[in-house]
Amino acid sequence: MLFFIDESGHDHKATPYEVLAGIAVSESNLWNLIEAVRAAEFRFFGMSLREAGAELKGGKALKTKTFRLASEGDPIDEPERRDLCRVLLEEGVRARTEGDNAKVTRRQLVAYGQARIEFVHELFAIMARFRVKTFAALVDIKAPRPSNPAFLRKDYTYLLERFFYFLEDIGQNETGLIVFDELDKARSRILIDQFGAYCRDTHTGYVRSSRIVPEPFFVHSDLTTAVQLADLVAYSLNWGVRLNRMDKPTRPELEPFGKAAFQLRYVGRRPDSETGEDRNVYGVFYLDDLRPKAERP
C-alpha cells in the first residue's frame, strides 16, 4: 500500500487550519488511477495539464477566482468548453515561451473556471472508483508544539496510527510506504530523523514500523499525480469540513469538495485503551495540541 502525503495551511498565510493529509492507494490500482486522471484532463481541458504547465493543486484549482469566473457566464456545454480551455492553455504556453502577455477572451476564462470545478468533482469520483482512502489531521494554527525538536509531532504520529490500523484491516501481511511532497532539504532531513527516532526509540513507533517503512520517500509534487490528489484532499478539508470544536468559517462553495474528501475517509474499530470496549477510529480528525503526553499539563 502506498500513502501519499501533502499539507495545507502550514505557512499560516491564507487558510483557517493546518492540514496534514494523505491518501492510501493500492499499488495495483495506482497506474490505473493516474491514467484515469490523465483521461479526465483531456476530457475537461483538451490537453494534459502538465503539458500546459498547470499543476493540479487545490489552492489553484479551487481558489475564489475560479468560482467567480465560472459564475460570470451561463453553463457552457462540455465540447465547446473543452475547446475553449485548450485554446486558453495553448495560448498560455505560447506566451510563456515567447515572454509575451497571453491573449485570452472572457468566454475562455469562464469556460476554464467551469471546467476546473467539474474536473475536481471528477477527481473525487475517480478516487472513489479506485477505492482510495483519505486520512487527515486538521490542526488548530495556535496548537502548542513540542519543545523538543527531535519529537515527531502528534499530527504525524496519529496519521501513522491510522495508516497502521488500515493496513491491519486489509490483511496480515500488508505493508506500506510513505511518499511526501518534497520539502526543502533541511526540513526533509529533520522529518526523516524524527521518523527514525520515533520508530527506534518508542515502543509504539517500533510496532508501527512492522508494517510501515519508517523512512519516507520525497518527490516533486508537480511530477507525482497522487501527491497532487493528497494536496487537493488537504485543501478541500481545510476549507470545506468542520469537526467538533472547529469554529473557523468555511468557504461554502468548497463544502461539497470537503464532503467528498470526508466520505472517502478511513473508519476502523479498535478497543478503547481505558475501557477495552470497541470504538470507532476515524482517518480524519482534529487536534488542538501537538505536544507529546510528557509535555502536556
Protein backbone atom coordinates (compact mmCIF):
# COMPACT_ATOMS: atom_id res chain seq x y z
CA MET A 1 0.00 0.00 0.00
CA LEU A 2 1.22 3.50 -0.84
CA PHE A 3 0.47 6.53 1.31
CA PHE A 4 0.87 9.90 -0.43
CA ILE A 5 1.01 12.89 1.91
CA ASP A 6 0.79 16.64 1.45
CA GLU A 7 -0.12 19.61 3.60
CA SER A 8 -2.25 22.73 3.52
CA GLY A 9 -2.01 25.88 5.61
CA HIS A 10 1.36 25.29 7.27
CA ASP A 11 2.55 28.70 6.12
CA HIS A 12 -0.27 30.30 8.20
CA LYS A 13 -0.99 32.74 5.40
CA ALA A 14 -4.48 32.30 3.99
CA THR A 15 -6.10 29.14 5.35
CA PRO A 16 -8.00 28.59 8.61
CA TYR A 17 -6.21 25.43 9.77
CA GLU A 18 -3.10 23.37 9.24
CA VAL A 19 -3.96 20.12 7.49
CA LEU A 20 -1.67 17.14 7.05
CA ALA A 21 -3.50 14.85 4.63
CA GLY A 22 -2.80 11.55 2.98
CA ILE A 23 -4.40 9.20 0.52
CA ALA A 24 -3.93 5.44 0.53
CA VAL A 25 -3.70 3.82 -2.89
CA SER A 26 -3.11 0.16 -3.61
CA GLU A 27 -0.05 -0.33 -5.79
CA SER A 28 -2.20 -2.46 -8.09
CA ASN A 29 -4.56 0.49 -8.62
CA LEU A 30 -2.05 3.34 -8.79
CA TRP A 31 -1.32 3.34 -12.51
CA ASN A 32 -4.99 2.93 -13.41
CA LEU A 33 -5.78 5.86 -11.11
CA ILE A 34 -3.13 8.01 -12.81
CA GLU A 35 -4.42 7.05 -16.25
CA ALA A 36 -7.97 7.97 -15.21
CA VAL A 37 -6.78 11.40 -14.06
CA ARG A 38 -4.95 11.92 -17.36
CA ALA A 39 -8.08 10.97 -19.31
CA ALA A 40 -10.09 13.45 -17.24
CA GLU A 41 -7.59 16.20 -18.08
CA PHE A 42 -8.13 15.64 -21.79
CA ARG A 43 -11.88 15.37 -21.30
CA PHE A 44 -12.19 18.70 -19.49
CA PHE A 45 -9.25 20.73 -20.85
CA GLY A 46 -8.39 19.14 -24.18
CA MET A 47 -4.77 18.56 -23.18
CA SER A 48 -2.51 17.40 -20.37
CA LEU A 49 -2.22 19.90 -17.51
CA ARG A 50 1.46 19.03 -17.15
CA GLU A 51 1.97 19.87 -20.82
CA ALA A 52 0.18 23.15 -20.20
CA GLY A 53 2.36 23.93 -17.17
CA ALA A 54 -0.67 23.89 -14.85
CA GLU A 55 -0.12 21.98 -11.60
CA LEU A 56 -3.09 20.15 -10.10
CA LYS A 57 -3.15 21.97 -6.76
CA GLY A 58 -6.16 22.68 -4.56
CA GLY A 59 -5.06 26.24 -3.87
CA LYS A 60 -5.01 26.95 -7.60
CA ALA A 61 -7.88 24.86 -8.92
CA LEU A 62 -10.30 25.90 -6.16
CA LYS A 63 -9.27 29.47 -5.47
CA THR A 64 -12.02 32.08 -5.15
CA LYS A 65 -11.26 33.46 -8.61
CA THR A 66 -12.16 30.10 -10.18
CA PHE A 67 -15.71 30.30 -8.84
CA ARG A 68 -16.06 33.98 -9.70
CA LEU A 69 -15.08 33.38 -13.31
CA ALA A 70 -17.29 30.29 -13.58
CA SER A 71 -20.30 32.32 -12.46
CA GLU A 72 -19.77 35.14 -14.97
CA GLY A 73 -21.50 33.27 -17.79
CA ASP A 74 -24.11 30.63 -18.45
CA PRO A 75 -23.01 26.98 -18.23
CA ILE A 76 -21.06 26.05 -21.36
CA ASP A 77 -21.58 22.65 -22.98
CA GLU A 78 -18.67 20.28 -22.42
CA PRO A 79 -17.40 20.02 -26.05
CA GLU A 80 -17.28 23.80 -26.52
CA ARG A 81 -15.89 24.31 -23.02
CA ARG A 82 -13.10 21.82 -23.70
CA ASP A 83 -12.14 23.59 -26.93
CA LEU A 84 -12.13 26.98 -25.21
CA CYS A 85 -9.94 25.63 -22.40
CA ARG A 86 -7.47 24.04 -24.81
CA VAL A 87 -7.06 27.29 -26.75
CA LEU A 88 -6.59 29.22 -23.48
CA LEU A 89 -3.96 26.78 -22.19
CA GLU A 90 -2.11 26.69 -25.51
CA GLU A 91 -2.05 30.48 -25.50
CA GLY A 92 -0.57 30.40 -22.01
CA VAL A 93 2.19 28.06 -23.19
CA ARG A 94 2.91 30.32 -26.18
CA ALA A 95 3.02 33.45 -24.03
CA ARG A 96 5.44 31.91 -21.51
CA THR A 97 7.67 30.57 -24.28
CA GLU A 98 7.84 33.91 -26.07
CA GLY A 99 7.87 36.11 -22.97
CA ASP A 100 4.62 37.71 -24.08
CA ASN A 101 1.29 38.52 -22.45
CA ALA A 102 -1.37 35.86 -23.02
CA LYS A 103 -4.28 36.98 -25.18
CA VAL A 104 -7.44 35.33 -23.87
CA THR A 105 -11.15 36.07 -24.06
CA ARG A 106 -13.68 36.42 -21.29
CA ARG A 107 -15.56 33.35 -22.56
CA GLN A 108 -12.36 31.29 -22.41
CA LEU A 109 -11.86 32.34 -18.78
CA VAL A 110 -15.46 31.47 -17.91
CA ALA A 111 -15.03 28.08 -19.58
CA TYR A 112 -11.79 27.46 -17.70
CA GLY A 113 -13.39 28.30 -14.36
CA GLN A 114 -16.32 25.98 -15.03
CA ALA A 115 -14.04 23.20 -16.27
CA ARG A 116 -11.83 23.39 -13.19
CA ILE A 117 -14.81 22.92 -10.88
CA GLU A 118 -16.21 19.99 -12.86
CA PHE A 119 -12.74 18.47 -13.12
CA VAL A 120 -12.31 18.44 -9.33
CA HIS A 121 -15.71 16.77 -8.93
CA GLU A 122 -14.50 14.12 -11.36
CA LEU A 123 -11.23 13.64 -9.45
CA PHE A 124 -13.11 12.76 -6.28
CA ALA A 125 -15.28 10.36 -8.28
CA ILE A 126 -12.11 8.75 -9.66
CA MET A 127 -10.65 8.37 -6.18
CA ALA A 128 -13.85 6.69 -5.02
CA ARG A 129 -13.80 4.38 -8.04
CA PHE A 130 -10.30 3.19 -7.23
CA ARG A 131 -11.08 2.73 -3.53
CA VAL A 132 -8.78 5.47 -2.31
CA LYS A 133 -8.97 6.11 1.43
CA THR A 134 -8.34 9.56 2.88
CA PHE A 135 -6.59 10.46 6.11
CA ALA A 136 -6.05 13.90 7.61
CA ALA A 137 -5.05 15.71 10.77
CA LEU A 138 -6.80 19.07 10.94
CA VAL A 139 -4.81 21.20 13.37
CA ASP A 140 -5.54 24.47 15.15
CA ILE A 141 -2.99 27.02 13.94
CA LYS A 142 -2.38 28.03 17.57
CA ALA A 143 -1.89 24.45 18.79
CA PRO A 144 1.12 24.17 21.16
CA ARG A 145 4.15 22.50 19.55
CA PRO A 146 6.66 20.06 21.10
CA SER A 147 9.56 21.83 22.81
CA ASN A 148 11.96 19.07 21.77
CA PRO A 149 12.68 19.42 18.02
CA ALA A 150 13.58 15.72 17.85
CA PHE A 151 9.99 14.68 18.62
CA LEU A 152 7.71 13.65 15.80
CA ARG A 153 4.63 15.85 16.08
CA LYS A 154 1.32 14.36 17.14
CA ASP A 155 -0.34 15.01 13.77
CA TYR A 156 2.27 12.75 12.17
CA THR A 157 2.08 10.05 14.86
CA TYR A 158 -1.72 9.98 14.78
CA LEU A 159 -1.68 9.78 11.00
CA LEU A 160 0.78 6.86 11.24
CA GLU A 161 -1.55 5.20 13.74
CA ARG A 162 -4.47 5.40 11.30
CA PHE A 163 -2.30 4.14 8.44
CA PHE A 164 -1.21 1.24 10.63
CA TYR A 165 -4.78 0.31 11.57
CA PHE A 166 -5.81 0.50 7.92
CA LEU A 167 -3.02 -1.91 6.97
CA GLU A 168 -4.05 -4.27 9.76
CA ASP A 169 -7.62 -4.23 8.50
CA ILE A 170 -6.55 -5.08 4.94
CA GLY A 171 -4.54 -8.20 5.74
CA GLN A 172 -1.96 -9.90 7.90
CA ASN A 173 0.96 -9.25 5.55
CA GLU A 174 0.02 -5.81 4.19
CA THR A 175 2.76 -3.18 4.47
CA GLY A 176 3.01 0.45 3.45
CA LEU A 177 5.38 3.04 2.00
CA ILE A 178 5.03 6.77 2.71
CA VAL A 179 5.57 9.33 -0.06
CA PHE A 180 5.78 13.04 0.80
CA ASP A 181 5.69 16.15 -1.28
CA GLU A 182 9.31 17.27 -1.21
CA LEU A 183 10.13 19.88 1.42
CA ASP A 184 13.34 21.87 1.42
CA LYS A 185 16.25 19.53 2.11
CA ALA A 186 16.77 20.71 5.69
CA ARG A 187 13.12 20.07 6.61
CA SER A 188 13.17 16.74 4.78
CA ARG A 189 16.22 15.59 6.76
CA ILE A 190 14.64 16.68 10.03
CA LEU A 191 11.47 14.75 9.24
CA ILE A 192 13.44 11.63 8.28
CA ASP A 193 15.37 11.85 11.57
CA GLN A 194 12.14 12.33 13.54
CA PHE A 195 10.52 9.32 11.88
CA GLY A 196 13.60 7.21 12.55
CA ALA A 197 13.82 8.24 16.20
CA TYR A 198 10.11 7.63 16.75
CA CYS A 199 10.31 4.11 15.31
CA ARG A 200 13.59 3.22 17.06
CA ASP A 201 13.12 4.84 20.46
CA THR A 202 9.42 4.37 21.27
CA HIS A 203 7.54 1.12 21.66
CA THR A 204 4.57 2.42 19.67
CA GLY A 205 6.80 3.60 16.85
CA TYR A 206 8.62 0.26 16.82
CA VAL A 207 5.28 -1.54 16.43
CA ARG A 208 4.23 0.82 13.62
CA SER A 209 7.48 0.10 11.76
CA SER A 210 6.49 -3.56 11.47
CA ARG A 211 4.06 -2.51 8.74
CA ILE A 212 5.17 0.98 7.66
CA VAL A 213 8.69 1.64 6.35
CA PRO A 214 9.86 4.44 8.69
CA GLU A 215 11.95 6.27 6.10
CA PRO A 216 9.60 8.25 3.84
CA PHE A 217 10.23 8.98 0.19
CA PHE A 218 10.18 12.58 -1.08
CA VAL A 219 9.04 13.50 -4.59
CA HIS A 220 8.28 16.62 -6.61
CA SER A 221 4.54 17.17 -6.40
CA ASP A 222 4.30 18.60 -9.92
CA LEU A 223 5.59 15.25 -11.23
CA THR A 224 3.54 13.00 -8.94
CA THR A 225 -0.19 12.79 -9.56
CA ALA A 226 -1.09 11.06 -6.29
CA VAL A 227 0.66 13.71 -4.16
CA GLN A 228 -1.35 16.35 -6.01
CA LEU A 229 -4.52 14.44 -5.14
CA ALA A 230 -3.43 14.45 -1.49
CA ASP A 231 -2.98 18.23 -1.75
CA LEU A 232 -6.49 18.52 -3.17
CA VAL A 233 -7.86 16.49 -0.25
CA ALA A 234 -5.97 18.66 2.25
CA TYR A 235 -7.24 21.92 0.75
CA SER A 236 -10.83 20.68 0.45
CA LEU A 237 -10.91 19.54 4.08
CA ASN A 238 -9.25 22.76 5.25
CA TRP A 239 -11.96 24.94 3.74
CA GLY A 240 -14.92 22.59 3.46
CA VAL A 241 -15.21 20.48 6.64
CA ARG A 242 -15.68 21.34 10.31
CA LEU A 243 -15.45 18.73 13.06
CA ASN A 244 -16.29 19.18 16.75
CA ARG A 245 -14.56 22.21 18.32
CA MET A 246 -13.58 23.65 14.94
CA ASP A 247 -15.05 27.15 14.74
CA LYS A 248 -13.32 28.84 11.79
CA PRO A 249 -15.63 29.68 8.86
CA THR A 250 -15.73 27.54 5.74
CA ARG A 251 -15.93 28.64 2.16
CA PRO A 252 -19.46 27.43 1.33
CA GLU A 253 -18.61 26.73 -2.31
CA LEU A 254 -15.94 24.26 -1.13
CA GLU A 255 -18.17 22.31 1.24
CA PRO A 256 -19.18 19.78 -1.47
CA PHE A 257 -15.49 19.03 -2.08
CA GLY A 258 -14.80 18.80 1.64
CA LYS A 259 -17.72 16.39 1.96
CA ALA A 260 -16.38 14.30 -0.92
CA ALA A 261 -12.95 14.06 0.73
CA PHE A 262 -14.53 13.29 4.10
CA GLN A 263 -16.70 10.49 2.71
CA LEU A 264 -13.57 8.69 1.50
CA ARG A 265 -12.05 8.67 4.99
CA TYR A 266 -10.87 5.53 6.72
CA VAL A 267 -13.07 4.31 9.58
CA GLY A 268 -11.96 1.39 11.73
CA ARG A 269 -12.78 -0.24 15.07
CA ARG A 270 -10.30 -0.70 17.90
CA PRO A 271 -10.56 -1.39 21.67
CA ASP A 272 -10.54 1.71 23.85
CA SER A 273 -7.30 1.89 25.85
CA GLU A 274 -9.20 2.63 29.09
CA THR A 275 -12.48 0.71 28.86
CA GLY A 276 -11.46 -2.07 26.49
CA GLU A 277 -14.68 -1.58 24.55
CA ASP A 278 -14.54 -1.27 20.78
CA ARG A 279 -14.81 2.27 19.43
CA ASN A 280 -14.61 3.90 16.03
CA VAL A 281 -11.25 5.22 14.86
CA TYR A 282 -11.51 7.89 12.17
CA GLY A 283 -8.97 8.69 9.50
CA VAL A 284 -9.92 12.38 9.57
CA PHE A 285 -9.59 14.05 12.97
CA TYR A 286 -8.97 17.38 14.73
CA LEU A 287 -6.08 18.29 17.05
CA ASP A 288 -5.62 21.42 19.16
CA ASP A 289 -2.38 20.33 20.89
CA LEU A 290 0.63 18.78 19.15
CA ARG A 291 2.74 18.12 22.24
CA PRO A 292 3.54 14.60 23.50
CA LYS A 293 1.97 13.47 26.77
CA ALA A 294 5.15 14.23 28.70
CA GLU A 295 4.93 17.93 27.81
CA ARG A 296 1.21 18.44 28.37
CA PRO A 297 -0.14 19.76 31.69
